[in-house]
């Protein structure tokens, strides 16, 4: 059984109920923490066997994909802030109950619209998957833009955010 202790890797020998450890000749110095952290990050972020198991453009693709994911996350934060402002969070004239009702109505109308669209178009989804994926991305961007501008026109908040 091998284990790490301090700065050395040691072997624990179990033999008929007794326990002994190997000493200096077999003990190996451990790699610095920097190497350990680098290996851990590579193991976490890169596929098994990288770079031999992927195409040459994998790293570039992954960098752009990660940047896009971070931007989407930040955009989501801004949209959530805009929607919360739109329902009245932070406005002393609004109550928590009115903000909750608007939030539930917004989500409910959005879900109903999504189900209605899926019901009317579901037969066509399988014909051109790429087209529908592109359409979904575009509609998502439109929806997020409407969420962002909704606090600017509070009289149309529910219409804009549930569309």
N, C-alpha and C. Protein backbone atom coordinates (compact mmCIF):
# COMPACT_ATOMS: atom_id res chain seq x y z
N UNK A 1 0.86 -1.17 0.00
CA UNK A 1 0.00 0.00 0.00
C UNK A 1 0.90 1.23 0.00
N UNK A 2 0.72 2.12 -0.95
CA UNK A 2 1.53 3.33 -1.00
C UNK A 2 0.73 4.51 -0.46
N UNK A 3 1.40 5.39 0.22
CA UNK A 3 0.73 6.59 0.72
C UNK A 3 1.74 7.72 0.75
N UNK A 4 1.21 8.93 0.90
CA UNK A 4 2.08 10.11 0.95
C UNK A 4 2.16 10.60 2.38
N UNK A 5 3.37 10.88 2.78
CA UNK A 5 3.59 11.37 4.13
C UNK A 5 4.64 12.46 4.06
N UNK A 6 4.27 13.67 4.41
CA UNK A 6 5.22 14.77 4.35
C UNK A 6 5.67 15.01 2.93
N UNK A 7 6.97 14.93 2.68
CA UNK A 7 7.49 15.18 1.34
C UNK A 7 7.87 13.89 0.62
N UNK A 8 7.54 12.73 1.20
CA UNK A 8 7.96 11.47 0.59
C UNK A 8 6.78 10.53 0.38
N UNK A 9 6.90 9.72 -0.64
CA UNK A 9 5.96 8.65 -0.88
C UNK A 9 6.54 7.42 -0.18
N UNK A 10 5.72 6.74 0.59
CA UNK A 10 6.21 5.59 1.34
C UNK A 10 5.34 4.37 1.03
N UNK A 11 5.88 3.20 1.28
CA UNK A 11 5.13 1.97 1.10
C UNK A 11 4.84 1.38 2.47
N UNK A 12 3.60 1.01 2.66
CA UNK A 12 3.16 0.38 3.90
C UNK A 12 3.04 -1.11 3.61
N UNK A 13 3.77 -1.92 4.35
CA UNK A 13 3.78 -3.35 4.12
C UNK A 13 2.96 -4.05 5.20
N UNK A 14 1.95 -4.79 4.78
CA UNK A 14 1.12 -5.54 5.71
C UNK A 14 1.49 -7.01 5.57
N UNK A 15 1.99 -7.62 6.65
CA UNK A 15 2.42 -9.01 6.56
C UNK A 15 2.00 -9.75 7.82
N UNK A 16 1.04 -10.63 7.69
CA UNK A 16 0.59 -11.49 8.78
C UNK A 16 0.34 -10.73 10.07
N UNK A 17 -0.46 -9.68 9.98
CA UNK A 17 -0.86 -8.94 11.16
C UNK A 17 0.13 -7.89 11.63
N UNK A 18 1.31 -7.80 11.04
CA UNK A 18 2.25 -6.75 11.43
C UNK A 18 2.26 -5.68 10.36
N UNK A 19 2.64 -4.51 10.75
CA UNK A 19 2.65 -3.37 9.84
C UNK A 19 4.01 -2.69 9.90
N UNK A 20 4.68 -2.59 8.78
CA UNK A 20 5.97 -1.90 8.74
C UNK A 20 5.97 -0.95 7.55
N UNK A 21 6.86 0.03 7.56
CA UNK A 21 6.98 0.94 6.43
C UNK A 21 8.37 0.82 5.85
N UNK A 22 8.45 1.02 4.55
CA UNK A 22 9.77 1.00 3.91
C UNK A 22 10.48 2.30 4.25
N UNK A 23 11.81 2.27 4.16
CA UNK A 23 12.59 3.44 4.55
C UNK A 23 13.20 4.14 3.34
N UNK A 24 14.11 5.02 3.59
CA UNK A 24 14.68 5.94 2.60
C UNK A 24 15.04 5.34 1.25
N UNK A 25 15.63 4.15 1.13
CA UNK A 25 16.01 3.69 -0.21
C UNK A 25 14.83 3.59 -1.17
N UNK A 26 13.64 3.21 -0.67
CA UNK A 26 12.49 3.07 -1.56
C UNK A 26 11.61 4.31 -1.57
N UNK A 27 11.79 5.21 -0.63
CA UNK A 27 10.96 6.41 -0.57
C UNK A 27 11.38 7.36 -1.68
N UNK A 28 10.38 7.90 -2.38
CA UNK A 28 10.66 8.81 -3.49
C UNK A 28 10.21 10.21 -3.11
N UNK A 29 11.01 11.24 -3.44
CA UNK A 29 10.53 12.61 -3.17
C UNK A 29 9.28 12.89 -4.00
N UNK A 30 8.35 13.58 -3.38
CA UNK A 30 7.13 13.95 -4.09
C UNK A 30 7.40 15.14 -5.00
N UNK A 31 6.62 15.25 -6.08
CA UNK A 31 6.73 16.40 -6.97
C UNK A 31 6.24 17.64 -6.21
N UNK A 32 6.75 18.79 -6.55
CA UNK A 32 6.26 20.01 -5.89
C UNK A 32 4.76 20.17 -6.10
N UNK A 33 4.12 20.92 -5.23
CA UNK A 33 2.68 21.13 -5.33
C UNK A 33 2.28 21.71 -6.67
N UNK A 34 3.12 22.54 -7.24
CA UNK A 34 2.82 23.15 -8.53
C UNK A 34 2.57 22.06 -9.58
N UNK A 35 3.43 21.06 -9.62
CA UNK A 35 3.24 19.96 -10.57
C UNK A 35 1.97 19.17 -10.26
N UNK A 36 1.69 18.99 -8.97
CA UNK A 36 0.49 18.28 -8.58
C UNK A 36 -0.76 19.05 -9.01
N UNK A 37 -0.78 20.37 -8.78
CA UNK A 37 -1.93 21.18 -9.17
C UNK A 37 -2.10 21.20 -10.68
N UNK A 38 -0.99 21.31 -11.40
CA UNK A 38 -1.05 21.29 -12.86
C UNK A 38 -1.62 19.98 -13.38
N UNK A 39 -1.16 18.88 -12.81
CA UNK A 39 -1.66 17.56 -13.22
C UNK A 39 -3.14 17.42 -12.87
N UNK A 40 -3.53 17.93 -11.71
CA UNK A 40 -4.93 17.86 -11.30
C UNK A 40 -5.81 18.67 -12.25
N UNK A 41 -5.36 19.87 -12.62
CA UNK A 41 -6.13 20.70 -13.56
C UNK A 41 -6.22 20.06 -14.93
N UNK A 42 -5.11 19.51 -15.41
CA UNK A 42 -5.13 18.82 -16.71
C UNK A 42 -6.11 17.64 -16.67
N UNK A 43 -6.08 16.89 -15.59
CA UNK A 43 -6.96 15.74 -15.44
C UNK A 43 -8.43 16.18 -15.39
N UNK A 44 -8.68 17.31 -14.76
CA UNK A 44 -10.04 17.82 -14.62
C UNK A 44 -10.56 18.41 -15.93
N UNK A 45 -9.72 19.15 -16.65
CA UNK A 45 -10.18 19.92 -17.80
C UNK A 45 -9.96 19.27 -19.16
N UNK A 46 -9.02 18.38 -19.27
CA UNK A 46 -8.69 17.80 -20.57
C UNK A 46 -9.09 16.33 -20.62
N UNK A 47 -9.44 15.85 -21.81
CA UNK A 47 -9.85 14.44 -21.92
C UNK A 47 -8.69 13.48 -21.67
N UNK A 48 -9.02 12.28 -21.29
CA UNK A 48 -8.04 11.23 -21.04
C UNK A 48 -7.16 11.04 -22.28
N UNK A 49 -5.86 11.01 -22.09
CA UNK A 49 -4.94 10.79 -23.18
C UNK A 49 -4.59 12.02 -24.01
N UNK A 50 -5.03 13.20 -23.55
CA UNK A 50 -4.75 14.42 -24.29
C UNK A 50 -3.24 14.59 -24.41
N UNK A 51 -2.71 14.98 -25.52
CA UNK A 51 -3.30 15.46 -26.78
C UNK A 51 -3.44 14.37 -27.83
N UNK A 52 -3.12 13.14 -27.49
CA UNK A 52 -3.10 12.07 -28.49
C UNK A 52 -4.49 11.53 -28.84
N UNK A 53 -5.50 11.85 -28.03
CA UNK A 53 -6.82 11.27 -28.26
C UNK A 53 -7.80 12.27 -28.89
N UNK A 54 -7.32 13.45 -29.25
CA UNK A 54 -8.21 14.48 -29.81
C UNK A 54 -7.59 15.05 -31.08
N UNK A 55 -8.38 15.80 -31.83
CA UNK A 55 -7.87 16.43 -33.05
C UNK A 55 -7.01 17.64 -32.67
N UNK A 56 -6.25 18.11 -33.64
CA UNK A 56 -5.31 19.22 -33.39
C UNK A 56 -6.00 20.50 -32.94
N UNK A 57 -7.23 20.71 -33.37
CA UNK A 57 -7.92 21.96 -33.05
C UNK A 57 -8.70 21.91 -31.73
N UNK A 58 -8.56 20.82 -30.98
CA UNK A 58 -9.34 20.65 -29.75
C UNK A 58 -9.09 21.76 -28.74
N UNK A 59 -7.84 22.08 -28.46
CA UNK A 59 -7.53 23.07 -27.43
C UNK A 59 -8.09 24.43 -27.81
N UNK A 60 -7.92 24.83 -29.07
CA UNK A 60 -8.47 26.12 -29.51
C UNK A 60 -9.98 26.13 -29.38
N UNK A 61 -10.62 25.03 -29.81
CA UNK A 61 -12.07 24.93 -29.67
C UNK A 61 -12.48 25.04 -28.20
N UNK A 62 -11.77 24.34 -27.33
CA UNK A 62 -12.13 24.33 -25.92
C UNK A 62 -11.96 25.71 -25.29
N UNK A 63 -10.95 26.45 -25.69
CA UNK A 63 -10.74 27.81 -25.18
C UNK A 63 -11.93 28.69 -25.57
N UNK A 64 -12.31 28.65 -26.87
CA UNK A 64 -13.44 29.46 -27.32
C UNK A 64 -14.75 29.01 -26.68
N UNK A 65 -14.93 27.71 -26.52
CA UNK A 65 -16.14 27.19 -25.90
C UNK A 65 -16.24 27.64 -24.44
N UNK A 66 -15.12 27.62 -23.74
CA UNK A 66 -15.10 28.06 -22.35
C UNK A 66 -15.38 29.56 -22.25
N UNK A 67 -14.79 30.35 -23.14
CA UNK A 67 -15.04 31.79 -23.16
C UNK A 67 -16.52 32.07 -23.41
N UNK A 68 -17.12 31.33 -24.34
CA UNK A 68 -18.55 31.49 -24.62
C UNK A 68 -19.39 31.12 -23.40
N UNK A 69 -19.01 30.08 -22.69
CA UNK A 69 -19.76 29.67 -21.49
C UNK A 69 -19.66 30.72 -20.40
N UNK A 70 -18.49 31.31 -20.22
CA UNK A 70 -18.32 32.38 -19.22
C UNK A 70 -19.17 33.58 -19.59
N UNK A 71 -19.16 33.96 -20.88
CA UNK A 71 -19.98 35.09 -21.33
C UNK A 71 -21.46 34.81 -21.13
N UNK A 72 -21.89 33.59 -21.41
CA UNK A 72 -23.30 33.23 -21.19
C UNK A 72 -23.67 33.32 -19.71
N UNK A 73 -22.76 32.89 -18.86
CA UNK A 73 -23.00 32.96 -17.42
C UNK A 73 -23.14 34.42 -16.98
N UNK A 74 -22.24 35.27 -17.45
CA UNK A 74 -22.30 36.70 -17.10
C UNK A 74 -23.58 37.34 -17.65
N UNK A 75 -23.95 36.98 -18.87
CA UNK A 75 -25.19 37.49 -19.46
C UNK A 75 -26.39 37.05 -18.62
N UNK A 76 -26.37 35.82 -18.14
CA UNK A 76 -27.45 35.33 -17.29
C UNK A 76 -27.56 36.13 -16.00
N UNK A 77 -26.43 36.51 -15.43
CA UNK A 77 -26.44 37.33 -14.21
C UNK A 77 -27.09 38.68 -14.50
N UNK A 78 -26.69 39.32 -15.61
CA UNK A 78 -27.27 40.62 -15.97
C UNK A 78 -28.77 40.51 -16.23
N UNK A 79 -29.19 39.43 -16.89
CA UNK A 79 -30.62 39.24 -17.16
C UNK A 79 -31.40 39.03 -15.87
N UNK A 80 -30.85 38.24 -14.98
CA UNK A 80 -31.53 38.01 -13.69
C UNK A 80 -31.66 39.31 -12.92
N UNK A 81 -30.60 40.12 -12.92
CA UNK A 81 -30.66 41.42 -12.25
C UNK A 81 -31.74 42.29 -12.88
N UNK A 82 -31.81 42.31 -14.21
CA UNK A 82 -32.81 43.13 -14.89
C UNK A 82 -34.22 42.66 -14.57
N UNK A 83 -34.42 41.35 -14.57
CA UNK A 83 -35.76 40.83 -14.27
C UNK A 83 -36.14 41.10 -12.82
N UNK A 84 -35.20 40.94 -11.91
CA UNK A 84 -35.50 41.24 -10.50
C UNK A 84 -35.83 42.72 -10.32
N UNK A 85 -35.11 43.58 -11.02
CA UNK A 85 -35.43 45.01 -10.98
C UNK A 85 -36.82 45.25 -11.55
N UNK A 86 -37.13 44.54 -12.64
CA UNK A 86 -38.43 44.69 -13.28
C UNK A 86 -39.60 44.26 -12.42
N UNK A 87 -39.41 43.24 -11.60
CA UNK A 87 -40.51 42.79 -10.73
C UNK A 87 -40.61 43.63 -9.47
N UNK A 88 -39.65 44.54 -9.27
CA UNK A 88 -39.77 45.47 -8.15
C UNK A 88 -38.82 45.24 -7.00
N UNK A 89 -37.88 44.32 -7.13
CA UNK A 89 -36.93 44.11 -6.04
C UNK A 89 -36.08 45.37 -5.90
N UNK A 90 -36.02 45.90 -4.71
CA UNK A 90 -35.27 47.13 -4.45
C UNK A 90 -36.13 48.38 -4.49
N UNK A 91 -37.36 48.26 -4.94
CA UNK A 91 -38.28 49.39 -5.00
C UNK A 91 -39.14 49.37 -3.74
N UNK A 92 -39.02 50.42 -2.94
CA UNK A 92 -39.75 50.44 -1.65
C UNK A 92 -41.26 50.51 -1.84
N UNK A 93 -41.71 50.92 -3.02
CA UNK A 93 -43.14 51.01 -3.27
C UNK A 93 -43.74 49.64 -3.62
N UNK A 94 -42.92 48.66 -3.93
CA UNK A 94 -43.40 47.33 -4.30
C UNK A 94 -43.29 46.39 -3.11
N UNK A 95 -44.16 45.39 -3.08
CA UNK A 95 -44.09 44.38 -2.01
C UNK A 95 -43.48 43.09 -2.55
N UNK A 96 -43.04 42.27 -1.63
CA UNK A 96 -42.48 40.97 -2.01
C UNK A 96 -43.56 40.12 -2.68
N UNK A 97 -44.80 40.26 -2.23
CA UNK A 97 -45.90 39.47 -2.81
C UNK A 97 -46.12 39.85 -4.27
N UNK A 98 -46.10 41.15 -4.59
CA UNK A 98 -46.31 41.56 -5.99
C UNK A 98 -45.16 41.10 -6.87
N UNK A 99 -43.93 41.14 -6.35
CA UNK A 99 -42.78 40.65 -7.11
C UNK A 99 -42.90 39.16 -7.35
N UNK A 100 -43.35 38.42 -6.36
CA UNK A 100 -43.51 36.97 -6.49
C UNK A 100 -44.59 36.64 -7.51
N UNK A 101 -45.71 37.35 -7.45
CA UNK A 101 -46.79 37.10 -8.40
C UNK A 101 -46.32 37.36 -9.83
N UNK A 102 -45.61 38.47 -10.05
CA UNK A 102 -45.10 38.78 -11.39
C UNK A 102 -44.11 37.71 -11.85
N UNK A 103 -43.25 37.24 -10.95
CA UNK A 103 -42.27 36.21 -11.31
C UNK A 103 -42.97 34.91 -11.70
N UNK A 104 -43.98 34.52 -10.93
CA UNK A 104 -44.71 33.28 -11.22
C UNK A 104 -45.49 33.41 -12.52
N UNK A 105 -46.12 34.55 -12.75
CA UNK A 105 -46.83 34.78 -14.00
C UNK A 105 -45.87 34.74 -15.19
N UNK A 106 -44.73 35.38 -15.04
CA UNK A 106 -43.71 35.40 -16.09
C UNK A 106 -43.28 33.98 -16.45
N UNK A 107 -42.92 33.20 -15.43
CA UNK A 107 -42.48 31.82 -15.68
C UNK A 107 -43.60 30.96 -16.24
N UNK A 108 -44.81 31.10 -15.68
CA UNK A 108 -45.94 30.31 -16.14
C UNK A 108 -46.29 30.60 -17.59
N UNK A 109 -46.34 31.87 -17.96
CA UNK A 109 -46.64 32.22 -19.35
C UNK A 109 -45.53 31.75 -20.29
N UNK A 110 -44.28 31.86 -19.85
CA UNK A 110 -43.16 31.39 -20.66
C UNK A 110 -43.23 29.88 -20.88
N UNK A 111 -43.54 29.13 -19.83
CA UNK A 111 -43.66 27.67 -19.97
C UNK A 111 -44.82 27.29 -20.88
N UNK A 112 -45.95 27.98 -20.71
CA UNK A 112 -47.11 27.71 -21.55
C UNK A 112 -46.79 28.00 -23.02
N UNK A 113 -46.13 29.12 -23.29
CA UNK A 113 -45.73 29.45 -24.65
C UNK A 113 -44.78 28.40 -25.24
N UNK A 114 -43.84 27.93 -24.43
CA UNK A 114 -42.91 26.89 -24.88
C UNK A 114 -43.63 25.59 -25.21
N UNK A 115 -44.59 25.20 -24.39
CA UNK A 115 -45.36 23.98 -24.64
C UNK A 115 -46.22 24.13 -25.89
N UNK A 116 -46.82 25.30 -26.06
CA UNK A 116 -47.65 25.55 -27.23
C UNK A 116 -46.81 25.48 -28.51
N UNK A 117 -45.61 26.07 -28.47
CA UNK A 117 -44.72 26.02 -29.63
C UNK A 117 -44.29 24.58 -29.92
N UNK A 118 -43.89 23.85 -28.89
CA UNK A 118 -43.46 22.47 -29.08
C UNK A 118 -44.60 21.61 -29.64
N UNK A 119 -45.81 21.83 -29.14
CA UNK A 119 -46.96 21.09 -29.64
C UNK A 119 -47.20 21.37 -31.12
N UNK A 120 -47.07 22.63 -31.52
CA UNK A 120 -47.38 22.99 -32.91
C UNK A 120 -46.26 22.64 -33.88
N UNK A 121 -45.01 22.53 -33.40
CA UNK A 121 -43.88 22.32 -34.31
C UNK A 121 -43.15 21.00 -34.12
N UNK A 122 -43.54 20.19 -33.17
CA UNK A 122 -42.77 19.00 -32.83
C UNK A 122 -42.60 18.03 -33.99
N UNK A 123 -43.55 17.95 -34.89
CA UNK A 123 -43.42 17.03 -36.03
C UNK A 123 -42.27 17.42 -36.95
N UNK A 124 -41.89 18.69 -36.92
CA UNK A 124 -40.85 19.19 -37.82
C UNK A 124 -39.45 19.15 -37.20
N UNK A 125 -39.34 18.88 -35.91
CA UNK A 125 -38.04 18.95 -35.23
C UNK A 125 -37.00 18.00 -35.80
N UNK A 126 -37.40 16.81 -36.19
CA UNK A 126 -36.46 15.80 -36.65
C UNK A 126 -35.92 16.01 -38.05
N UNK A 127 -36.56 16.87 -38.84
CA UNK A 127 -36.16 17.04 -40.24
C UNK A 127 -34.83 17.74 -40.41
N UNK A 128 -34.63 18.79 -39.68
CA UNK A 128 -33.38 19.56 -39.81
C UNK A 128 -32.94 20.02 -38.43
N UNK A 129 -32.22 19.16 -37.73
CA UNK A 129 -31.83 19.42 -36.35
C UNK A 129 -30.96 20.68 -36.24
N UNK A 130 -30.04 20.86 -37.18
CA UNK A 130 -29.17 22.04 -37.12
C UNK A 130 -29.97 23.33 -37.23
N UNK A 131 -30.97 23.34 -38.10
CA UNK A 131 -31.80 24.53 -38.26
C UNK A 131 -32.52 24.86 -36.95
N UNK A 132 -33.08 23.83 -36.30
CA UNK A 132 -33.80 24.06 -35.06
C UNK A 132 -32.85 24.47 -33.94
N UNK A 133 -31.64 23.93 -33.94
CA UNK A 133 -30.66 24.33 -32.92
C UNK A 133 -30.30 25.81 -33.10
N UNK A 134 -30.09 26.23 -34.34
CA UNK A 134 -29.79 27.63 -34.63
C UNK A 134 -30.99 28.51 -34.25
N UNK A 135 -32.19 28.07 -34.60
CA UNK A 135 -33.40 28.81 -34.25
C UNK A 135 -33.51 28.97 -32.73
N UNK A 136 -33.25 27.89 -31.99
CA UNK A 136 -33.33 27.94 -30.52
C UNK A 136 -32.31 28.92 -29.96
N UNK A 137 -31.10 28.93 -30.50
CA UNK A 137 -30.08 29.88 -30.04
C UNK A 137 -30.51 31.31 -30.31
N UNK A 138 -31.06 31.56 -31.49
CA UNK A 138 -31.51 32.92 -31.84
C UNK A 138 -32.67 33.37 -30.94
N UNK A 139 -33.64 32.49 -30.74
CA UNK A 139 -34.78 32.83 -29.89
C UNK A 139 -34.33 33.06 -28.45
N UNK A 140 -33.39 32.27 -27.99
CA UNK A 140 -32.85 32.46 -26.64
C UNK A 140 -32.20 33.84 -26.52
N UNK A 141 -31.44 34.23 -27.54
CA UNK A 141 -30.82 35.55 -27.52
C UNK A 141 -31.86 36.67 -27.52
N UNK A 142 -32.92 36.50 -28.30
CA UNK A 142 -34.00 37.49 -28.32
C UNK A 142 -34.65 37.58 -26.94
N UNK A 143 -34.93 36.42 -26.34
CA UNK A 143 -35.54 36.41 -25.01
C UNK A 143 -34.67 37.07 -23.95
N UNK A 144 -33.38 36.79 -23.99
CA UNK A 144 -32.47 37.41 -23.02
C UNK A 144 -32.37 38.91 -23.24
N UNK A 145 -32.40 39.35 -24.49
CA UNK A 145 -32.39 40.79 -24.78
C UNK A 145 -33.65 41.45 -24.25
N UNK A 146 -34.80 40.80 -24.44
CA UNK A 146 -36.04 41.34 -23.89
C UNK A 146 -35.98 41.41 -22.36
N UNK A 147 -35.40 40.40 -21.73
CA UNK A 147 -35.22 40.44 -20.27
C UNK A 147 -34.37 41.64 -19.87
N UNK A 148 -33.30 41.90 -20.63
CA UNK A 148 -32.40 43.01 -20.30
C UNK A 148 -33.08 44.37 -20.42
N UNK A 149 -33.93 44.55 -21.41
CA UNK A 149 -34.56 45.87 -21.61
C UNK A 149 -35.86 46.02 -20.84
N UNK A 150 -36.38 44.96 -20.26
CA UNK A 150 -37.68 45.02 -19.59
C UNK A 150 -37.77 46.08 -18.48
N UNK A 151 -36.73 46.34 -17.70
CA UNK A 151 -36.87 47.39 -16.68
C UNK A 151 -37.02 48.79 -17.28
N UNK A 152 -36.62 48.98 -18.53
CA UNK A 152 -36.73 50.29 -19.17
C UNK A 152 -38.17 50.64 -19.52
N UNK A 153 -39.01 49.62 -19.69
CA UNK A 153 -40.43 49.83 -20.00
C UNK A 153 -41.28 48.98 -19.05
N UNK A 154 -41.38 49.40 -17.80
CA UNK A 154 -42.05 48.57 -16.79
C UNK A 154 -43.51 48.26 -17.10
N UNK A 155 -44.18 49.12 -17.86
CA UNK A 155 -45.59 48.85 -18.19
C UNK A 155 -45.73 47.62 -19.09
N UNK A 156 -44.65 47.22 -19.78
CA UNK A 156 -44.68 46.05 -20.65
C UNK A 156 -43.82 44.90 -20.11
N UNK A 157 -43.49 44.97 -18.81
CA UNK A 157 -42.58 43.98 -18.22
C UNK A 157 -43.05 42.55 -18.45
N UNK A 158 -44.29 42.26 -18.08
CA UNK A 158 -44.78 40.89 -18.18
C UNK A 158 -44.83 40.42 -19.63
N UNK A 159 -45.22 41.29 -20.54
CA UNK A 159 -45.25 40.92 -21.95
C UNK A 159 -43.86 40.64 -22.48
N UNK A 160 -42.89 41.48 -22.14
CA UNK A 160 -41.51 41.31 -22.65
C UNK A 160 -40.81 40.09 -22.06
N UNK A 161 -40.98 39.87 -20.78
CA UNK A 161 -40.22 38.79 -20.13
C UNK A 161 -40.84 37.41 -20.32
N UNK A 162 -42.09 37.35 -20.69
CA UNK A 162 -42.71 36.03 -20.88
C UNK A 162 -42.81 35.67 -22.36
N UNK A 163 -42.40 36.58 -23.23
CA UNK A 163 -42.48 36.32 -24.68
C UNK A 163 -41.47 35.27 -25.10
